[in-house]
C-alpha atoms as a PDB file:
ATOM      1  CA  UNK A   1     -11.974 162.493  63.822  1.00  0.00           C
ATOM      2  CA  UNK A   2     -11.310 164.016  67.197  1.00  0.00           C
ATOM      3  CA  UNK A   3     -12.860 167.496  67.053  1.00  0.00           C
ATOM      4  CA  UNK A   4     -10.146 169.349  68.790  1.00  0.00           C
ATOM      5  CA  UNK A   5      -6.363 169.524  68.815  1.00  0.00           C
ATOM      6  CA  UNK A   6      -4.964 166.951  71.234  1.00  0.00           C
ATOM      7  CA  UNK A   7      -1.980 168.381  73.153  1.00  0.00           C
ATOM      8  CA  UNK A   8       0.051 165.860  75.121  1.00  0.00           C
ATOM      9  CA  UNK A   9       2.416 167.090  77.745  1.00  0.00           C
ATOM     10  CA  UNK A  10       4.446 165.833  80.671  1.00  0.00           C
ATOM     11  CA  UNK A  11       7.940 165.765  82.126  1.00  0.00           C
ATOM     12  CA  UNK A  12      10.922 163.800  80.629  1.00  0.00           C
ATOM     13  CA  UNK A  13      10.535 160.071  81.099  1.00  0.00           C
ATOM     14  CA  UNK A  14       6.831 160.124  81.840  1.00  0.00           C
ATOM     15  CA  UNK A  15       5.978 158.037  78.782  1.00  0.00           C
ATOM     16  CA  UNK A  16       4.112 160.802  76.948  1.00  0.00           C
ATOM     17  CA  UNK A  17       5.765 160.171  73.589  1.00  0.00           C
ATOM     18  CA  UNK A  18       5.311 156.477  73.700  1.00  0.00           C
ATOM     19  CA  UNK A  19       1.639 156.959  74.646  1.00  0.00           C
ATOM     20  CA  UNK A  20       1.213 159.677  72.113  1.00  0.00           C
ATOM     21  CA  UNK A  21       2.363 157.577  69.281  1.00  0.00           C
ATOM     22  CA  UNK A  22       0.103 154.712  70.253  1.00  0.00           C
ATOM     23  CA  UNK A  23      -2.929 157.101  70.709  1.00  0.00           C
ATOM     24  CA  UNK A  24      -2.236 158.704  67.317  1.00  0.00           C
ATOM     25  CA  UNK A  25      -2.093 155.321  65.614  1.00  0.00           C
ATOM     26  CA  UNK A  26      -5.215 154.024  67.381  1.00  0.00           C
ATOM     27  CA  UNK A  27      -7.318 157.089  66.482  1.00  0.00           C
ATOM     28  CA  UNK A  28      -5.823 157.940  63.117  1.00  0.00           C
ATOM     29  CA  UNK A  29      -4.327 161.201  64.330  1.00  0.00           C
ATOM     30  CA  UNK A  30      -1.256 162.911  62.906  1.00  0.00           C
ATOM     31  CA  UNK A  31       1.475 162.807  65.494  1.00  0.00           C
ATOM     32  CA  UNK A  32       3.875 165.767  65.781  1.00  0.00           C
ATOM     33  CA  UNK A  33       6.578 165.841  68.523  1.00  0.00           C
ATOM     34  CA  UNK A  34       8.190 169.016  69.684  1.00  0.00           C
ATOM     35  CA  UNK A  35      10.860 166.909  71.342  1.00  0.00           C
ATOM     36  CA  UNK A  36      11.815 165.252  68.051  1.00  0.00           C
ATOM     37  CA  UNK A  37      11.987 168.697  66.382  1.00  0.00           C
ATOM     38  CA  UNK A  38      14.179 170.030  69.275  1.00  0.00           C
ATOM     39  CA  UNK A  39      16.551 167.044  69.129  1.00  0.00           C
ATOM     40  CA  UNK A  40      16.912 167.388  65.348  1.00  0.00           C
ATOM     41  CA  UNK A  41      17.800 171.128  65.887  1.00  0.00           C
ATOM     42  CA  UNK A  42      20.281 170.137  68.560  1.00  0.00           C
ATOM     43  CA  UNK A  43      22.000 167.747  66.229  1.00  0.00           C
ATOM     44  CA  UNK A  44      21.969 170.362  63.453  1.00  0.00           C
ATOM     45  CA  UNK A  45      23.818 172.679  65.808  1.00  0.00           C
ATOM     46  CA  UNK A  46      26.283 169.904  66.805  1.00  0.00           C
ATOM     47  CA  UNK A  47      25.073 169.787  70.416  1.00  0.00           C
ATOM     48  CA  UNK A  48      23.507 167.207  72.664  1.00  0.00           C
ATOM     49  CA  UNK A  49      20.027 167.844  74.175  1.00  0.00           C
ATOM     50  CA  UNK A  50      21.343 169.260  77.504  1.00  0.00           C
ATOM     51  CA  UNK A  51      23.654 171.688  75.768  1.00  0.00           C
ATOM     52  CA  UNK A  52      21.040 172.843  73.236  1.00  0.00           C
ATOM     53  CA  UNK A  53      18.606 173.456  76.104  1.00  0.00           C
ATOM     54  CA  UNK A  54      21.184 175.767  77.702  1.00  0.00           C
ATOM     55  CA  UNK A  55      21.868 177.408  74.404  1.00  0.00           C
ATOM     56  CA  UNK A  56      18.039 177.953  74.012  1.00  0.00           C
ATOM     57  CA  UNK A  57      17.979 179.860  77.330  1.00  0.00           C
ATOM     58  CA  UNK A  58      19.865 182.779  75.805  1.00  0.00           C
ATOM     59  CA  UNK A  59      18.432 182.296  72.294  1.00  0.00           C
ATOM     60  CA  UNK A  60      14.712 182.763  72.436  1.00  0.00           C
ATOM     61  CA  UNK A  61      14.433 182.226  68.678  1.00  0.00           C
ATOM     62  CA  UNK A  62      15.013 178.439  69.264  1.00  0.00           C
ATOM     63  CA  UNK A  63      11.759 177.961  71.145  1.00  0.00           C
ATOM     64  CA  UNK A  64       9.862 180.429  69.190  1.00  0.00           C
ATOM     65  CA  UNK A  65      10.679 178.704  65.967  1.00  0.00           C
ATOM     66  CA  UNK A  66       9.955 175.341  67.465  1.00  0.00           C
ATOM     67  CA  UNK A  67       6.641 176.469  68.837  1.00  0.00           C
ATOM     68  CA  UNK A  68       5.686 178.270  65.629  1.00  0.00           C
ATOM     69  CA  UNK A  69       6.304 175.080  63.707  1.00  0.00           C
ATOM     70  CA  UNK A  70       4.163 173.036  66.131  1.00  0.00           C
ATOM     71  CA  UNK A  71       1.361 175.625  66.275  1.00  0.00           C
ATOM     72  CA  UNK A  72       1.261 175.771  62.484  1.00  0.00           C
ATOM     73  CA  UNK A  73       0.230 172.099  62.674  1.00  0.00           C
ATOM     74  CA  UNK A  74      -2.457 172.637  65.441  1.00  0.00           C
ATOM     75  CA  UNK A  75      -5.797 171.529  64.111  1.00  0.00           C
ATOM     76  CA  UNK A  76      -8.409 168.789  64.785  1.00  0.00           C
ATOM     77  CA  UNK A  77      -6.897 165.445  63.795  1.00  0.00           C
ATOM     78  CA  UNK A  78      -3.519 166.283  65.036  1.00  0.00           C
ATOM     79  CA  UNK A  79      -1.822 165.112  68.315  1.00  0.00           C
ATOM     80  CA  UNK A  80       0.913 167.681  69.422  1.00  0.00           C
ATOM     81  CA  UNK A  81       3.491 166.122  71.841  1.00  0.00           C
ATOM     82  CA  UNK A  82       5.061 169.041  73.664  1.00  0.00           C
ATOM     83  CA  UNK A  83       4.920 170.463  77.195  1.00  0.00           C
ATOM     84  CA  UNK A  84       3.493 173.947  76.447  1.00  0.00           C
ATOM     85  CA  UNK A  85       1.515 173.133  73.293  1.00  0.00           C
ATOM     86  CA  UNK A  86      -1.898 173.060  75.135  1.00  0.00           C
ATOM     87  CA  UNK A  87      -1.283 176.504  76.647  1.00  0.00           C
ATOM     88  CA  UNK A  88      -0.169 177.936  73.313  1.00  0.00           C
ATOM     89  CA  UNK A  89      -3.253 176.475  71.610  1.00  0.00           C
ATOM     90  CA  UNK A  90      -5.487 177.989  74.329  1.00  0.00           C
ATOM     91  CA  UNK A  91      -3.737 181.322  74.001  1.00  0.00           C
ATOM     92  CA  UNK A  92      -4.667 181.275  70.260  1.00  0.00           C
ATOM     93  CA  UNK A  93      -8.281 180.397  71.052  1.00  0.00           C
ATOM     94  CA  UNK A  94      -7.959 176.953  69.535  1.00  0.00           C
ATOM     95  CA  UNK A  95     -10.173 174.183  71.015  1.00  0.00           C
ATOM     96  CA  UNK A  96      -7.823 171.747  72.658  1.00  0.00           C
ATOM     97  CA  UNK A  97      -7.773 168.690  74.833  1.00  0.00           C
ATOM     98  CA  UNK A  98      -4.930 169.059  77.219  1.00  0.00           C
ATOM     99  CA  UNK A  99      -3.575 165.726  78.477  1.00  0.00           C
ATOM    100  CA  UNK A 100      -0.606 165.338  80.813  1.00  0.00           C
ATOM    101  CA  UNK A 101       1.254 162.091  81.405  1.00  0.00           C
ATOM    102  CA  UNK A 102       3.286 162.103  84.559  1.00  0.00           C
ATOM    103  CA  UNK A 103       5.208 159.665  86.708  1.00  0.00           C
ATOM    104  CA  UNK A 104       7.201 159.819  89.921  1.00  0.00           C
ATOM    105  CA  UNK A 105      10.703 161.174  89.500  1.00  0.00           C
ATOM    106  CA  UNK A 106      12.499 157.978  90.460  1.00  0.00           C
ATOM    107  CA  UNK A 107      10.610 155.944  87.853  1.00  0.00           C
ATOM    108  CA  UNK A 108      11.236 158.642  85.163  1.00  0.00           C
ATOM    109  CA  UNK A 109      14.852 158.656  85.973  1.00  0.00           C
ATOM    110  CA  UNK A 110      14.948 154.854  85.653  1.00  0.00           C
ATOM    111  CA  UNK A 111      13.190 154.976  82.243  1.00  0.00           C
ATOM    112  CA  UNK A 112      15.499 157.693  80.893  1.00  0.00           C
ATOM    113  CA  UNK A 113      18.665 155.875  82.153  1.00  0.00           C
ATOM    114  CA  UNK A 114      17.504 152.646  80.381  1.00  0.00           C
ATOM    115  CA  UNK A 115      16.530 154.415  77.195  1.00  0.00           C
ATOM    116  CA  UNK A 116      19.701 156.605  76.970  1.00  0.00           C
ATOM    117  CA  UNK A 117      22.251 154.066  78.399  1.00  0.00           C
ATOM    118  CA  UNK A 118      23.366 156.111  81.482  1.00  0.00           C
ATOM    119  CA  UNK A 119      23.197 155.694  85.205  1.00  0.00           C
ATOM    120  CA  UNK A 120      19.995 156.463  87.076  1.00  0.00           C
ATOM    121  CA  UNK A 121      21.842 159.214  88.917  1.00  0.00           C
ATOM    122  CA  UNK A 122      22.992 160.879  85.688  1.00  0.00           C
ATOM    123  CA  UNK A 123      19.410 160.527  84.251  1.00  0.00           C
ATOM    124  CA  UNK A 124      17.981 162.124  87.299  1.00  0.00           C
ATOM    125  CA  UNK A 125      20.430 165.003  87.132  1.00  0.00           C
ATOM    126  CA  UNK A 126      19.641 165.549  83.402  1.00  0.00           C
ATOM    127  CA  UNK A 127      15.880 165.392  83.988  1.00  0.00           C
ATOM    128  CA  UNK A 128      16.040 167.936  86.818  1.00  0.00           C
ATOM    129  CA  UNK A 129      18.325 170.236  84.651  1.00  0.00           C
ATOM    130  CA  UNK A 130      16.116 169.920  81.543  1.00  0.00           C
ATOM    131  CA  UNK A 131      12.880 170.484  83.547  1.00  0.00           C
ATOM    132  CA  UNK A 132      14.257 173.597  85.177  1.00  0.00           C
ATOM    133  CA  UNK A 133      15.704 174.998  81.882  1.00  0.00           C
ATOM    134  CA  UNK A 134      12.390 174.464  80.078  1.00  0.00           C
ATOM    135  CA  UNK A 135      10.276 175.867  82.931  1.00  0.00           C
ATOM    136  CA  UNK A 136      12.399 178.993  83.092  1.00  0.00           C
ATOM    137  CA  UNK A 137      12.315 179.450  79.331  1.00  0.00           C
ATOM    138  CA  UNK A 138       8.528 178.957  79.056  1.00  0.00           C
ATOM    139  CA  UNK A 139       7.916 181.408  81.920  1.00  0.00           C
ATOM    140  CA  UNK A 140      10.213 184.036  80.369  1.00  0.00           C
ATOM    141  CA  UNK A 141       9.088 183.586  76.724  1.00  0.00           C
ATOM    142  CA  UNK A 142       5.333 182.870  77.209  1.00  0.00           C
ATOM    143  CA  UNK A 143       4.407 183.435  80.873  1.00  0.00           C
ATOM    144  CA  UNK A 144       3.477 179.764  81.039  1.00  0.00           C
ATOM    145  CA  UNK A 145       4.433 177.487  83.933  1.00  0.00           C
ATOM    146  CA  UNK A 146       3.850 173.933  82.649  1.00  0.00           C
ATOM    147  CA  UNK A 147       3.651 172.700  86.274  1.00  0.00           C
ATOM    148  CA  UNK A 148       0.814 174.964  87.013  1.00  0.00           C
ATOM    149  CA  UNK A 149      -1.283 174.078  83.871  1.00  0.00           C
ATOM    150  CA  UNK A 150      -4.584 172.303  84.510  1.00  0.00           C
ATOM    151  CA  UNK A 151      -5.042 169.403  82.065  1.00  0.00           C
ATOM    152  CA  UNK A 152      -8.357 167.931  80.916  1.00  0.00           C
ATOM    153  CA  UNK A 153      -6.823 164.506  81.761  1.00  0.00           C
ATOM    154  CA  UNK A 154      -3.841 163.657  84.058  1.00  0.00           C
ATOM    155  CA  UNK A 155      -2.481 160.108  83.711  1.00  0.00           C
ATOM    156  CA  UNK A 156       0.078 158.883  86.234  1.00  0.00           C
ATOM    157  CA  UNK A 157       2.097 156.302  84.379  1.00  0.00           C
ATOM    158  CA  UNK A 158       4.338 155.277  87.329  1.00  0.00           C
ATOM    159  CA  UNK A 159       2.704 151.872  87.729  1.00  0.00           C
ATOM    160  CA  UNK A 160       1.028 151.555  84.234  1.00  0.00           C
ATOM    161  CA  UNK A 161       2.215 149.893  81.091  1.00  0.00           C
ATOM    162  CA  UNK A 162       2.506 152.017  78.003  1.00  0.00           C
ATOM    163  CA  UNK A 163      -0.512 150.247  76.617  1.00  0.00           C
ATOM    164  CA  UNK A 164      -2.579 151.110  79.679  1.00  0.00           C
ATOM    165  CA  UNK A 165      -1.468 154.755  79.438  1.00  0.00           C
ATOM    166  CA  UNK A 166      -2.490 154.857  75.725  1.00  0.00           C
ATOM    167  CA  UNK A 167      -5.844 153.115  76.515  1.00  0.00           C
ATOM    168  CA  UNK A 168      -6.762 155.607  79.209  1.00  0.00           C
ATOM    169  CA  UNK A 169      -6.004 158.577  76.798  1.00  0.00           C
ATOM    170  CA  UNK A 170      -7.839 156.897  73.928  1.00  0.00           C
ATOM    171  CA  UNK A 171     -10.856 156.186  76.097  1.00  0.00           C
ATOM    172  CA  UNK A 172     -10.930 159.772  77.373  1.00  0.00           C
ATOM    173  CA  UNK A 173     -10.732 161.205  73.870  1.00  0.00           C
ATOM    174  CA  UNK A 174     -13.422 158.915  72.487  1.00  0.00           C
ATOM    175  CA  UNK A 175     -15.739 159.807  75.411  1.00  0.00           C
ATOM    176  CA  UNK A 176     -15.651 163.464  74.577  1.00  0.00           C
ATOM    177  CA  UNK A 177     -18.061 165.273  72.238  1.00  0.00           C
ATOM    178  CA  UNK A 178     -16.700 164.813  68.655  1.00  0.00           C
ATOM    179  CA  UNK A 179     -14.694 161.855  69.827  1.00  0.00           C
ATOM    180  CA  UNK A 180     -15.850 159.607  67.080  1.00  0.00           C
ATOM    181  CA  UNK A 181     -13.079 158.369  64.670  1.00  0.00           C
ATOM    182  CA  UNK A 182     -12.999 157.807  60.996  1.00  0.00           C
END
């Protein structure tokens, strides 16, 4: 078992969730996604992701509930997929491997457009809007700027396949103390 919490962050469209699922499967980790929880809450409120993000700007209980849910799961053997989870783990004194998957903005917009069936221009607008909304909320609620966080591993997925991203993360985790599996 990996001897720390694994926290995977990165901007929308970077490939972090795809990589996270693959890494969790390869290493026998439990996978928990803040994005999936947030999307489920958006649906429960009858809103799309963008509208719910704006709703969360004036309703701090949305992010606090989400992050309390995620942090309650934070323990060795768990991979937390969420932009501020590493910072929140550190703030609680939990040992954590902070991994960020990124990609250039044009590639992220292309990926989101293909995934969500929208134009690249619309995807780019939504990515920028979501990123700014999240950044403002995290700063206001936690004093955390996800863009300023220093990860233990940064993987640029712009020109990498999902398998290559997952392999880079898996190799990093296995090379760390306590990185043996099962």
